[in-house]
Amino acid sequence: MEGIDRLLVNSLSESIRSELTDEKVSRLEKKIAEDFGLGFDEFVYKFGQVRKSLFAFELELKKIEDNILRNFVMLEKHGDETWLVVKNDHLTEVLLKTFADEDKKRILDATREKAESIPRVLTQCGIPNTSGYRKMNQMIDEGFVVPVGLAETFEGKRAILYKSVIQKIHISIDKNDIVTKILVPEEIITSSPLVQLMTETICGAKKRLAN
């Protein structure tokens, strides 16, 4: 899983688990493990590939498409920039919490343009190692920063370089709704199976309504 997909998968998985009953989730987990050898997050990531083979769960899969995939994110063009407008409450909450954390925000700002190793970015940001490594690992798990290469340290060892997925974030309030938009590199959007899946799901729904 690369680019923005880890960030999307985490919130998608939580949303699907909230949408379906525990019994349905358990049955679905068992089926995808037996037939495809996939865990739940992997199933979400490969939803478009395995969906047609899960005939016994047609109602549940349709629910996922209509209630989650169609209302998760949408693309919005502004000149040369393509923004992801976040419509999912869980993803919005994760984004707001992360950017409200001053240390995490500084790490994301420091790795937005240039990839850095964990020790170097913590030093640059003046963040203590204990809390810094914990927060960095949280953002790696959540998909806010991704590994993009290796660099040699002064000790001659190899260190993983990390880069922020999000280039910009825009948060506004429209009446009682919080509107969150994120800008990620164009190549990440075009190479994301999940963004493509959501776009196709939205387009398919619009075509059905038009007919």
N, C-alpha and C. Protein backbone atom coordinates (compact mmCIF):
# COMPACT_ATOMS: atom_id res chain seq x y z
N MET A 1 0.84 -1.18 0.00
CA MET A 1 0.00 0.00 0.00
C MET A 1 0.88 1.24 0.00
N GLU A 2 0.68 2.13 -0.95
CA GLU A 2 1.56 3.28 -1.09
C GLU A 2 0.77 4.58 -1.07
N GLY A 3 1.53 5.69 -1.01
CA GLY A 3 0.93 7.01 -1.14
C GLY A 3 -0.18 7.27 -0.14
N ILE A 4 -1.29 7.75 -0.65
CA ILE A 4 -2.41 8.15 0.18
C ILE A 4 -3.25 6.97 0.64
N ASP A 5 -3.01 5.79 0.06
CA ASP A 5 -3.91 4.65 0.29
C ASP A 5 -3.92 4.16 1.73
N ARG A 6 -2.79 4.16 2.41
CA ARG A 6 -2.77 3.72 3.81
C ARG A 6 -3.66 4.62 4.66
N LEU A 7 -3.60 5.92 4.43
CA LEU A 7 -4.43 6.87 5.16
C LEU A 7 -5.91 6.62 4.89
N LEU A 8 -6.25 6.36 3.62
CA LEU A 8 -7.63 6.10 3.24
C LEU A 8 -8.13 4.77 3.78
N VAL A 9 -7.29 3.74 3.69
CA VAL A 9 -7.70 2.39 4.12
C VAL A 9 -8.06 2.37 5.60
N ASN A 10 -7.27 3.01 6.43
CA ASN A 10 -7.55 3.01 7.87
C ASN A 10 -8.95 3.54 8.17
N SER A 11 -9.30 4.67 7.56
CA SER A 11 -10.62 5.26 7.81
C SER A 11 -11.73 4.49 7.11
N LEU A 12 -11.43 3.96 5.93
CA LEU A 12 -12.43 3.13 5.24
C LEU A 12 -12.78 1.90 6.05
N SER A 13 -11.77 1.24 6.60
CA SER A 13 -12.01 0.04 7.40
C SER A 13 -12.89 0.35 8.61
N GLU A 14 -12.58 1.45 9.30
CA GLU A 14 -13.38 1.85 10.45
C GLU A 14 -14.81 2.16 10.04
N SER A 15 -14.98 2.82 8.92
CA SER A 15 -16.32 3.20 8.45
C SER A 15 -17.14 1.98 8.07
N ILE A 16 -16.49 1.01 7.41
CA ILE A 16 -17.19 -0.22 7.01
C ILE A 16 -17.60 -1.01 8.23
N ARG A 17 -16.72 -1.12 9.21
CA ARG A 17 -17.05 -1.85 10.44
C ARG A 17 -18.22 -1.18 11.18
N SER A 18 -18.31 0.13 11.10
CA SER A 18 -19.42 0.84 11.74
C SER A 18 -20.72 0.67 10.96
N GLU A 19 -20.61 0.54 9.65
CA GLU A 19 -21.79 0.43 8.78
C GLU A 19 -22.45 -0.94 8.86
N LEU A 20 -21.64 -2.01 8.96
CA LEU A 20 -22.16 -3.37 8.98
C LEU A 20 -22.27 -3.89 10.41
N THR A 21 -23.11 -4.90 10.61
CA THR A 21 -23.22 -5.52 11.92
C THR A 21 -21.96 -6.34 12.21
N ASP A 22 -21.70 -6.61 13.48
CA ASP A 22 -20.53 -7.41 13.86
C ASP A 22 -20.58 -8.79 13.21
N GLU A 23 -21.79 -9.36 13.12
CA GLU A 23 -21.95 -10.68 12.50
C GLU A 23 -21.55 -10.65 11.03
N LYS A 24 -22.01 -9.63 10.31
CA LYS A 24 -21.68 -9.51 8.88
C LYS A 24 -20.19 -9.31 8.68
N VAL A 25 -19.58 -8.49 9.54
CA VAL A 25 -18.14 -8.26 9.44
C VAL A 25 -17.37 -9.55 9.68
N SER A 26 -17.78 -10.32 10.68
CA SER A 26 -17.11 -11.59 10.99
C SER A 26 -17.23 -12.57 9.83
N ARG A 27 -18.41 -12.67 9.25
CA ARG A 27 -18.61 -13.57 8.11
C ARG A 27 -17.79 -13.12 6.91
N LEU A 28 -17.75 -11.81 6.70
CA LEU A 28 -16.99 -11.27 5.57
C LEU A 28 -15.49 -11.51 5.77
N GLU A 29 -15.01 -11.28 6.99
CA GLU A 29 -13.59 -11.52 7.29
C GLU A 29 -13.22 -12.98 7.05
N LYS A 30 -14.09 -13.89 7.48
CA LYS A 30 -13.83 -15.32 7.30
C LYS A 30 -13.79 -15.68 5.82
N LYS A 31 -14.72 -15.13 5.05
CA LYS A 31 -14.81 -15.44 3.62
C LYS A 31 -13.58 -14.94 2.86
N ILE A 32 -13.17 -13.71 3.10
CA ILE A 32 -12.03 -13.16 2.36
C ILE A 32 -10.72 -13.81 2.78
N ALA A 33 -10.65 -14.27 4.03
CA ALA A 33 -9.45 -14.99 4.48
C ALA A 33 -9.37 -16.36 3.82
N GLU A 34 -10.51 -17.06 3.73
CA GLU A 34 -10.53 -18.40 3.14
C GLU A 34 -10.33 -18.36 1.63
N ASP A 35 -11.01 -17.43 0.96
CA ASP A 35 -10.99 -17.41 -0.51
C ASP A 35 -9.80 -16.67 -1.10
N PHE A 36 -9.34 -15.63 -0.42
CA PHE A 36 -8.30 -14.77 -1.00
C PHE A 36 -7.05 -14.66 -0.13
N GLY A 37 -7.11 -15.15 1.10
CA GLY A 37 -5.97 -15.02 2.01
C GLY A 37 -5.69 -13.59 2.41
N LEU A 38 -6.76 -12.78 2.50
CA LEU A 38 -6.61 -11.36 2.79
C LEU A 38 -7.11 -11.02 4.19
N GLY A 39 -6.43 -10.07 4.83
CA GLY A 39 -6.95 -9.48 6.05
C GLY A 39 -7.96 -8.41 5.67
N PHE A 40 -8.61 -7.80 6.67
CA PHE A 40 -9.68 -6.85 6.37
C PHE A 40 -9.16 -5.61 5.67
N ASP A 41 -8.04 -5.06 6.13
CA ASP A 41 -7.48 -3.87 5.47
C ASP A 41 -7.08 -4.16 4.03
N GLU A 42 -6.52 -5.35 3.79
CA GLU A 42 -6.13 -5.73 2.43
C GLU A 42 -7.36 -5.88 1.54
N PHE A 43 -8.45 -6.41 2.12
CA PHE A 43 -9.71 -6.53 1.38
C PHE A 43 -10.21 -5.15 0.97
N VAL A 44 -10.16 -4.20 1.90
CA VAL A 44 -10.61 -2.84 1.60
C VAL A 44 -9.76 -2.24 0.48
N TYR A 45 -8.45 -2.45 0.55
CA TYR A 45 -7.54 -1.92 -0.46
C TYR A 45 -7.81 -2.53 -1.83
N LYS A 46 -8.16 -3.83 -1.85
CA LYS A 46 -8.39 -4.54 -3.12
C LYS A 46 -9.88 -4.73 -3.40
N PHE A 47 -10.70 -3.89 -2.82
CA PHE A 47 -12.15 -4.02 -2.94
C PHE A 47 -12.60 -4.15 -4.40
N GLY A 48 -12.06 -3.30 -5.25
CA GLY A 48 -12.46 -3.33 -6.66
C GLY A 48 -12.11 -4.62 -7.36
N GLN A 49 -11.05 -5.29 -6.90
CA GLN A 49 -10.61 -6.53 -7.54
C GLN A 49 -11.43 -7.74 -7.09
N VAL A 50 -11.78 -7.80 -5.81
CA VAL A 50 -12.43 -9.00 -5.27
C VAL A 50 -13.95 -8.87 -5.17
N ARG A 51 -14.46 -7.68 -5.38
CA ARG A 51 -15.89 -7.42 -5.18
C ARG A 51 -16.77 -8.38 -5.96
N LYS A 52 -16.47 -8.64 -7.23
CA LYS A 52 -17.33 -9.47 -8.08
C LYS A 52 -17.36 -10.93 -7.67
N SER A 53 -16.39 -11.35 -6.87
CA SER A 53 -16.32 -12.75 -6.46
C SER A 53 -17.07 -13.02 -5.15
N LEU A 54 -17.58 -11.98 -4.53
CA LEU A 54 -18.25 -12.14 -3.23
C LEU A 54 -19.77 -12.06 -3.39
N PHE A 55 -20.32 -13.00 -4.16
CA PHE A 55 -21.75 -12.97 -4.49
C PHE A 55 -22.64 -13.04 -3.25
N ALA A 56 -22.21 -13.80 -2.25
CA ALA A 56 -23.03 -14.01 -1.06
C ALA A 56 -23.19 -12.74 -0.22
N PHE A 57 -22.37 -11.73 -0.51
CA PHE A 57 -22.40 -10.50 0.28
C PHE A 57 -22.83 -9.30 -0.58
N GLU A 58 -23.64 -9.55 -1.60
CA GLU A 58 -24.01 -8.49 -2.53
C GLU A 58 -24.67 -7.31 -1.82
N LEU A 59 -25.58 -7.58 -0.91
CA LEU A 59 -26.27 -6.50 -0.21
C LEU A 59 -25.30 -5.67 0.63
N GLU A 60 -24.38 -6.35 1.31
CA GLU A 60 -23.41 -5.65 2.15
C GLU A 60 -22.45 -4.82 1.29
N LEU A 61 -22.00 -5.39 0.17
CA LEU A 61 -21.07 -4.68 -0.71
C LEU A 61 -21.74 -3.46 -1.34
N LYS A 62 -23.02 -3.61 -1.68
CA LYS A 62 -23.77 -2.48 -2.25
C LYS A 62 -23.91 -1.38 -1.20
N LYS A 63 -24.09 -1.78 0.04
CA LYS A 63 -24.18 -0.82 1.14
C LYS A 63 -22.87 -0.06 1.29
N ILE A 64 -21.76 -0.78 1.19
CA ILE A 64 -20.44 -0.16 1.28
C ILE A 64 -20.27 0.86 0.15
N GLU A 65 -20.67 0.49 -1.05
CA GLU A 65 -20.54 1.39 -2.20
C GLU A 65 -21.41 2.63 -2.03
N ASP A 66 -22.69 2.42 -1.70
CA ASP A 66 -23.64 3.53 -1.66
C ASP A 66 -23.43 4.45 -0.46
N ASN A 67 -23.13 3.87 0.70
CA ASN A 67 -23.07 4.67 1.93
C ASN A 67 -21.67 5.16 2.30
N ILE A 68 -20.64 4.49 1.75
CA ILE A 68 -19.27 4.86 2.15
C ILE A 68 -18.44 5.35 0.96
N LEU A 69 -18.26 4.50 -0.04
CA LEU A 69 -17.37 4.86 -1.15
C LEU A 69 -17.86 6.10 -1.91
N ARG A 70 -19.17 6.23 -2.06
CA ARG A 70 -19.72 7.38 -2.79
C ARG A 70 -19.61 8.67 -1.99
N ASN A 71 -19.43 8.53 -0.68
CA ASN A 71 -19.42 9.71 0.19
C ASN A 71 -18.17 9.77 1.05
N PHE A 72 -17.04 9.40 0.47
CA PHE A 72 -15.80 9.38 1.24
C PHE A 72 -14.92 10.57 0.90
N VAL A 73 -14.47 10.65 -0.33
CA VAL A 73 -13.74 11.83 -0.81
C VAL A 73 -14.20 12.13 -2.23
N MET A 74 -13.97 13.35 -2.66
CA MET A 74 -14.21 13.70 -4.05
C MET A 74 -13.08 14.60 -4.54
N LEU A 75 -12.83 14.56 -5.84
CA LEU A 75 -11.76 15.37 -6.42
C LEU A 75 -12.28 16.75 -6.77
N GLU A 76 -11.44 17.76 -6.54
CA GLU A 76 -11.81 19.13 -6.87
C GLU A 76 -10.59 19.82 -7.49
N LYS A 77 -10.75 20.27 -8.71
CA LYS A 77 -9.64 20.91 -9.44
C LYS A 77 -9.61 22.41 -9.17
N HIS A 78 -8.41 22.92 -8.90
CA HIS A 78 -8.17 24.35 -8.77
C HIS A 78 -6.92 24.67 -9.57
N GLY A 79 -7.09 25.10 -10.80
CA GLY A 79 -5.94 25.35 -11.66
C GLY A 79 -5.18 24.06 -11.92
N ASP A 80 -3.90 24.07 -11.59
CA ASP A 80 -3.07 22.88 -11.78
C ASP A 80 -3.13 21.92 -10.59
N GLU A 81 -3.84 22.31 -9.55
CA GLU A 81 -3.89 21.50 -8.33
C GLU A 81 -5.17 20.66 -8.27
N THR A 82 -5.03 19.43 -7.78
CA THR A 82 -6.17 18.56 -7.56
C THR A 82 -6.28 18.29 -6.06
N TRP A 83 -7.36 18.77 -5.46
CA TRP A 83 -7.58 18.60 -4.03
C TRP A 83 -8.52 17.44 -3.77
N LEU A 84 -8.32 16.77 -2.64
CA LEU A 84 -9.26 15.76 -2.17
C LEU A 84 -10.16 16.41 -1.12
N VAL A 85 -11.44 16.49 -1.43
CA VAL A 85 -12.41 17.03 -0.48
C VAL A 85 -12.89 15.87 0.39
N VAL A 86 -12.63 15.95 1.67
CA VAL A 86 -12.95 14.84 2.58
C VAL A 86 -14.40 14.95 3.05
N LYS A 87 -15.16 13.89 2.80
CA LYS A 87 -16.57 13.88 3.19
C LYS A 87 -16.85 12.88 4.31
N ASN A 88 -15.86 12.06 4.62
CA ASN A 88 -16.02 11.03 5.64
C ASN A 88 -15.68 11.57 7.03
N ASP A 89 -16.55 11.34 7.99
CA ASP A 89 -16.37 11.89 9.34
C ASP A 89 -15.13 11.33 10.03
N HIS A 90 -14.89 10.03 9.86
CA HIS A 90 -13.75 9.41 10.54
C HIS A 90 -12.44 9.98 10.02
N LEU A 91 -12.31 10.09 8.70
CA LEU A 91 -11.09 10.64 8.12
C LEU A 91 -10.91 12.11 8.50
N THR A 92 -12.01 12.85 8.52
CA THR A 92 -11.95 14.25 8.94
C THR A 92 -11.42 14.36 10.37
N GLU A 93 -11.93 13.51 11.25
CA GLU A 93 -11.50 13.53 12.65
C GLU A 93 -10.01 13.21 12.79
N VAL A 94 -9.54 12.21 12.04
CA VAL A 94 -8.12 11.83 12.08
C VAL A 94 -7.24 13.00 11.61
N LEU A 95 -7.65 13.64 10.53
CA LEU A 95 -6.89 14.78 9.99
C LEU A 95 -6.84 15.93 10.99
N LEU A 96 -7.99 16.26 11.57
CA LEU A 96 -8.04 17.38 12.51
C LEU A 96 -7.20 17.11 13.75
N LYS A 97 -7.28 15.90 14.28
CA LYS A 97 -6.49 15.55 15.47
C LYS A 97 -4.99 15.61 15.19
N THR A 98 -4.61 15.13 14.02
CA THR A 98 -3.18 15.10 13.67
C THR A 98 -2.63 16.51 13.51
N PHE A 99 -3.34 17.36 12.78
CA PHE A 99 -2.84 18.71 12.54
C PHE A 99 -3.03 19.62 13.75
N ALA A 100 -3.84 19.20 14.72
CA ALA A 100 -3.97 19.96 15.96
C ALA A 100 -2.83 19.66 16.92
N ASP A 101 -2.12 18.56 16.68
CA ASP A 101 -0.95 18.20 17.49
C ASP A 101 0.25 18.98 16.96
N GLU A 102 0.78 19.88 17.75
CA GLU A 102 1.84 20.78 17.28
C GLU A 102 3.08 20.02 16.81
N ASP A 103 3.47 18.97 17.53
CA ASP A 103 4.64 18.19 17.13
C ASP A 103 4.42 17.49 15.79
N LYS A 104 3.26 16.86 15.64
CA LYS A 104 2.97 16.16 14.38
C LYS A 104 2.90 17.14 13.21
N LYS A 105 2.32 18.30 13.46
CA LYS A 105 2.24 19.32 12.40
C LYS A 105 3.63 19.77 11.98
N ARG A 106 4.53 19.95 12.94
CA ARG A 106 5.90 20.36 12.61
C ARG A 106 6.63 19.28 11.81
N ILE A 107 6.40 18.02 12.16
CA ILE A 107 7.01 16.91 11.41
C ILE A 107 6.50 16.89 9.98
N LEU A 108 5.19 17.06 9.80
CA LEU A 108 4.61 17.06 8.46
C LEU A 108 5.11 18.24 7.64
N ASP A 109 5.23 19.40 8.28
CA ASP A 109 5.75 20.58 7.58
C ASP A 109 7.21 20.36 7.16
N ALA A 110 7.99 19.72 8.04
CA ALA A 110 9.42 19.52 7.77
C ALA A 110 9.67 18.49 6.68
N THR A 111 8.72 17.58 6.47
CA THR A 111 8.91 16.52 5.46
C THR A 111 8.01 16.71 4.25
N ARG A 112 7.43 17.88 4.13
CA ARG A 112 6.53 18.14 2.99
C ARG A 112 7.30 18.26 1.68
N GLU A 113 8.41 18.97 1.70
CA GLU A 113 9.18 19.18 0.47
C GLU A 113 10.37 18.23 0.35
N LYS A 114 10.95 17.86 1.49
CA LYS A 114 12.16 17.04 1.47
C LYS A 114 12.03 15.87 2.43
N ALA A 115 12.36 14.68 1.95
CA ALA A 115 12.31 13.48 2.79
C ALA A 115 13.44 13.52 3.82
N GLU A 116 13.14 13.07 5.04
CA GLU A 116 14.13 13.08 6.11
C GLU A 116 14.05 11.78 6.91
N SER A 117 15.15 11.43 7.57
CA SER A 117 15.15 10.30 8.50
C SER A 117 14.49 10.74 9.80
N ILE A 118 14.04 9.79 10.59
CA ILE A 118 13.38 10.14 11.85
C ILE A 118 14.30 10.93 12.78
N PRO A 119 15.54 10.49 13.04
CA PRO A 119 16.40 11.27 13.95
C PRO A 119 16.61 12.70 13.48
N ARG A 120 16.80 12.86 12.17
CA ARG A 120 17.08 14.20 11.64
C ARG A 120 15.86 15.12 11.76
N VAL A 121 14.69 14.60 11.44
CA VAL A 121 13.50 15.46 11.49
C VAL A 121 13.16 15.82 12.94
N LEU A 122 13.40 14.90 13.87
CA LEU A 122 13.14 15.23 15.28
C LEU A 122 14.10 16.29 15.78
N THR A 123 15.36 16.21 15.33
CA THR A 123 16.35 17.22 15.70
C THR A 123 15.97 18.58 15.12
N GLN A 124 15.59 18.60 13.84
CA GLN A 124 15.20 19.84 13.18
C GLN A 124 14.01 20.50 13.87
N CYS A 125 13.08 19.68 14.32
CA CYS A 125 11.85 20.20 14.92
C CYS A 125 11.97 20.43 16.42
N GLY A 126 13.10 20.01 17.01
CA GLY A 126 13.29 20.19 18.43
C GLY A 126 12.34 19.36 19.28
N ILE A 127 12.05 18.15 18.82
CA ILE A 127 11.11 17.27 19.51
C ILE A 127 11.89 16.18 20.24
N PRO A 128 11.62 15.93 21.52
CA PRO A 128 12.32 14.87 22.27
C PRO A 128 12.15 13.51 21.60
N ASN A 129 13.18 12.68 21.69
CA ASN A 129 13.15 11.37 21.02
C ASN A 129 12.00 10.49 21.48
N THR A 130 11.77 10.43 22.79
CA THR A 130 10.75 9.51 23.31
C THR A 130 9.37 9.79 22.71
N SER A 131 8.90 11.01 22.85
CA SER A 131 7.59 11.36 22.29
C SER A 131 7.64 11.46 20.78
N GLY A 132 8.79 11.89 20.25
CA GLY A 132 8.93 12.06 18.81
C GLY A 132 8.83 10.76 18.04
N TYR A 133 9.53 9.72 18.50
CA TYR A 133 9.45 8.42 17.84
C TYR A 133 8.04 7.84 17.92
N ARG A 134 7.40 8.03 19.08
CA ARG A 134 6.03 7.52 19.25
C ARG A 134 5.08 8.19 18.26
N LYS A 135 5.18 9.51 18.15
CA LYS A 135 4.29 10.22 17.25
C LYS A 135 4.62 9.95 15.78
N MET A 136 5.90 9.82 15.48
CA MET A 136 6.31 9.50 14.12
C MET A 136 5.77 8.13 13.72
N ASN A 137 5.90 7.15 14.60
CA ASN A 137 5.40 5.81 14.30
C ASN A 137 3.88 5.79 14.15
N GLN A 138 3.20 6.63 14.91
CA GLN A 138 1.75 6.75 14.75
C GLN A 138 1.41 7.24 13.35
N MET A 139 2.13 8.25 12.89
CA MET A 139 1.85 8.82 11.57
C MET A 139 2.24 7.88 10.44
N ILE A 140 3.25 7.05 10.67
CA ILE A 140 3.61 6.03 9.68
C ILE A 140 2.49 5.01 9.58
N ASP A 141 2.00 4.54 10.74
CA ASP A 141 0.91 3.56 10.76
C ASP A 141 -0.37 4.13 10.15
N GLU A 142 -0.62 5.40 10.38
CA GLU A 142 -1.85 6.02 9.88
C GLU A 142 -1.74 6.45 8.42
N GLY A 143 -0.52 6.50 7.88
CA GLY A 143 -0.35 6.84 6.47
C GLY A 143 -0.09 8.30 6.19
N PHE A 144 0.23 9.09 7.22
CA PHE A 144 0.52 10.51 6.99
C PHE A 144 1.91 10.72 6.39
N VAL A 145 2.86 9.87 6.77
CA VAL A 145 4.20 9.92 6.17
C VAL A 145 4.51 8.54 5.61
N VAL A 146 5.26 8.52 4.51
CA VAL A 146 5.56 7.25 3.85
C VAL A 146 7.06 7.15 3.57
N PRO A 147 7.61 5.94 3.58
CA PRO A 147 9.03 5.76 3.25
C PRO A 147 9.26 5.97 1.76
N VAL A 148 10.29 6.73 1.43
CA VAL A 148 10.56 7.01 0.01
C VAL A 148 11.98 6.66 -0.41
N GLY A 149 12.81 6.20 0.52
CA GLY A 149 14.18 5.86 0.15
C GLY A 149 15.05 5.64 1.37
N LEU A 150 16.35 5.51 1.11
CA LEU A 150 17.33 5.28 2.18
C LEU A 150 18.45 6.30 2.07
N ALA A 151 19.08 6.59 3.21
CA ALA A 151 20.25 7.47 3.23
C ALA A 151 21.26 6.91 4.22
N GLU A 152 22.53 7.20 3.96
CA GLU A 152 23.58 6.70 4.85
C GLU A 152 23.81 7.70 5.97
N THR A 153 23.89 7.20 7.20
CA THR A 153 24.12 8.06 8.36
C THR A 153 25.62 8.27 8.57
N PHE A 154 25.96 9.13 9.55
CA PHE A 154 27.37 9.38 9.86
C PHE A 154 28.07 8.11 10.35
N GLU A 155 27.30 7.20 10.94
CA GLU A 155 27.88 5.95 11.45
C GLU A 155 28.03 4.90 10.35
N GLY A 156 27.64 5.25 9.13
CA GLY A 156 27.73 4.30 8.03
C GLY A 156 26.55 3.36 7.94
N LYS A 157 25.51 3.63 8.72
CA LYS A 157 24.31 2.79 8.68
C LYS A 157 23.31 3.37 7.69
N ARG A 158 22.29 2.58 7.38
CA ARG A 158 21.23 3.03 6.48
C ARG A 158 20.03 3.49 7.28
N ALA A 159 19.50 4.64 6.93
CA ALA A 159 18.31 5.17 7.60
C ALA A 159 17.20 5.37 6.57
N ILE A 160 15.99 5.02 6.96
CA ILE A 160 14.84 5.20 6.07
C ILE A 160 14.45 6.68 6.03
N LEU A 161 14.19 7.17 4.83
CA LEU A 161 13.74 8.55 4.65
C LEU A 161 12.22 8.57 4.51
N TYR A 162 11.58 9.51 5.20
CA TYR A 162 10.12 9.62 5.17
C TYR A 162 9.69 10.97 4.62
N LYS A 163 8.54 10.96 3.94
CA LYS A 163 8.02 12.19 3.36
C LYS A 163 6.52 12.30 3.66
N SER A 164 6.08 13.51 3.89
CA SER A 164 4.66 13.74 4.14
C SER A 164 3.85 13.51 2.87
N VAL A 165 2.71 12.84 3.00
CA VAL A 165 1.82 12.62 1.87
C VAL A 165 1.05 13.90 1.54
N ILE A 166 0.72 14.66 2.57
CA ILE A 166 -0.12 15.85 2.40
C ILE A 166 0.75 17.09 2.22
N GLN A 167 0.50 17.82 1.13
CA GLN A 167 1.24 19.05 0.85
C GLN A 167 0.60 20.26 1.51
N LYS A 168 -0.73 20.30 1.47
CA LYS A 168 -1.47 21.40 2.09
C LYS A 168 -2.77 20.85 2.66
N ILE A 169 -3.31 21.55 3.65
CA ILE A 169 -4.63 21.22 4.18
C ILE A 169 -5.42 22.51 4.34
N HIS A 170 -6.69 22.45 4.00
CA HIS A 170 -7.56 23.62 4.12
C HIS A 170 -8.80 23.21 4.91
N ILE A 171 -9.05 23.90 6.00
CA ILE A 171 -10.18 23.59 6.87
C ILE A 171 -11.08 24.82 6.97
N SER A 172 -12.37 24.63 6.70
CA SER A 172 -13.32 25.73 6.80
C SER A 172 -14.61 25.22 7.44
N ILE A 173 -15.43 26.14 7.90
CA ILE A 173 -16.71 25.78 8.50
C ILE A 173 -17.83 26.36 7.65
N ASP A 174 -18.71 25.47 7.18
CA ASP A 174 -19.86 25.86 6.37
C ASP A 174 -21.11 25.56 7.19
N LYS A 175 -21.70 26.60 7.78
CA LYS A 175 -22.81 26.43 8.72
C LYS A 175 -22.34 25.54 9.87
N ASN A 176 -22.88 24.33 10.00
CA ASN A 176 -22.47 23.45 11.09
C ASN A 176 -21.51 22.37 10.63
N ASP A 177 -21.10 22.41 9.38
CA ASP A 177 -20.24 21.36 8.82
C ASP A 177 -18.79 21.83 8.73
N ILE A 178 -17.87 20.93 9.07
CA ILE A 178 -16.45 21.19 8.89
C ILE A 178 -16.04 20.64 7.53
N VAL A 179 -15.53 21.50 6.68
CA VAL A 179 -15.11 21.09 5.33
C VAL A 179 -13.58 21.01 5.31
N THR A 180 -13.06 19.82 5.06
CA THR A 180 -11.62 19.60 5.05
C THR A 180 -11.17 19.19 3.66
N LYS A 181 -10.15 19.87 3.15
CA LYS A 181 -9.58 19.54 1.85
C LYS A 181 -8.08 19.32 2.02
N ILE A 182 -7.56 18.31 1.33
CA ILE A 182 -6.12 18.07 1.38
C ILE A 182 -5.55 18.03 -0.03
N LEU A 183 -4.36 18.56 -0.16
CA LEU A 183 -3.65 18.54 -1.44
C LEU A 183 -2.53 17.52 -1.35
N VAL A 184 -2.55 16.56 -2.26
CA VAL A 184 -1.48 15.57 -2.35
C VAL A 184 -0.92 15.61 -3.76
N PRO A 185 0.32 15.15 -3.97
CA PRO A 185 0.91 15.19 -5.31
C PRO A 185 0.03 14.49 -6.35
N GLU A 186 -0.03 15.06 -7.53
CA GLU A 186 -0.87 14.53 -8.61
C GLU A 186 -0.55 13.08 -8.91
N GLU A 187 0.75 12.72 -8.88
CA GLU A 187 1.12 11.34 -9.20
C GLU A 187 0.60 10.35 -8.16
N ILE A 188 0.45 10.80 -6.93
CA ILE A 188 -0.10 9.93 -5.89
C ILE A 188 -1.59 9.69 -6.13
N ILE A 189 -2.31 10.74 -6.53
CA ILE A 189 -3.74 10.59 -6.82
C ILE A 189 -3.96 9.65 -8.00
N THR A 190 -3.22 9.86 -9.08
CA THR A 190 -3.43 9.06 -10.29
C THR A 190 -3.02 7.60 -10.12
N SER A 191 -2.11 7.33 -9.18
CA SER A 191 -1.65 5.96 -8.97
C SER A 191 -2.40 5.25 -7.85
N SER A 192 -3.37 5.92 -7.24
CA SER A 192 -4.09 5.34 -6.10
C SER A 192 -5.28 4.50 -6.56
N PRO A 193 -5.26 3.18 -6.30
CA PRO A 193 -6.41 2.34 -6.65
C PRO A 193 -7.68 2.76 -5.90
N LEU A 194 -7.53 3.24 -4.68
CA LEU A 194 -8.71 3.61 -3.89
C LEU A 194 -9.36 4.89 -4.40
N VAL A 195 -8.55 5.89 -4.76
CA VAL A 195 -9.12 7.12 -5.32
C VAL A 195 -9.82 6.80 -6.64
N GLN A 196 -9.21 5.94 -7.45
CA GLN A 196 -9.83 5.53 -8.71
C GLN A 196 -11.15 4.81 -8.46
N LEU A 197 -11.15 3.90 -7.47
CA LEU A 197 -12.37 3.16 -7.13
C LEU A 197 -13.49 4.10 -6.70
N MET A 198 -13.17 5.06 -5.84
CA MET A 198 -14.19 6.00 -5.37
C MET A 198 -14.71 6.87 -6.50
N THR A 199 -13.81 7.31 -7.37
CA THR A 199 -14.22 8.13 -8.51
C THR A 199 -15.14 7.35 -9.43
N GLU A 200 -14.81 6.09 -9.71
CA GLU A 200 -15.64 5.25 -10.57
C GLU A 200 -16.99 4.97 -9.92
N THR A 201 -17.01 4.78 -8.60
CA THR A 201 -18.26 4.53 -7.89
C THR A 201 -19.18 5.75 -7.96
N ILE A 202 -18.61 6.94 -7.79
CA ILE A 202 -19.39 8.17 -7.88
C ILE A 202 -19.93 8.36 -9.29
N CYS A 203 -19.07 8.15 -10.30
CA CYS A 203 -19.49 8.30 -11.70
C CYS A 203 -20.58 7.29 -12.06
N GLY A 204 -20.43 6.05 -11.57
CA GLY A 204 -21.43 5.02 -11.84
C GLY A 204 -22.77 5.37 -11.24
N ALA A 205 -22.76 5.94 -10.05
CA ALA A 205 -24.00 6.35 -9.39
C ALA A 205 -24.67 7.49 -10.15
N LYS A 206 -23.87 8.43 -10.65
CA LYS A 206 -24.43 9.55 -11.42
C LYS A 206 -25.06 9.07 -12.72
N LYS A 207 -24.43 8.08 -13.37
CA LYS A 207 -24.98 7.54 -14.61
C LYS A 207 -26.31 6.84 -14.36
N ARG A 208 -26.39 6.10 -13.24
CA ARG A 208 -27.65 5.41 -12.92
C ARG A 208 -28.76 6.41 -12.65
N LEU A 209 -28.44 7.51 -11.97
CA LEU A 209 -29.44 8.53 -11.71
C LEU A 209 -29.89 9.22 -12.99
N ALA A 210 -28.94 9.41 -13.91
CA ALA A 210 -29.26 10.07 -15.19
C ALA A 210 -30.19 9.22 -16.04
N ASN A 211 -30.04 7.90 -15.91
CA ASN A 211 -30.89 7.00 -16.70
C ASN A 211 -32.24 6.79 -16.01
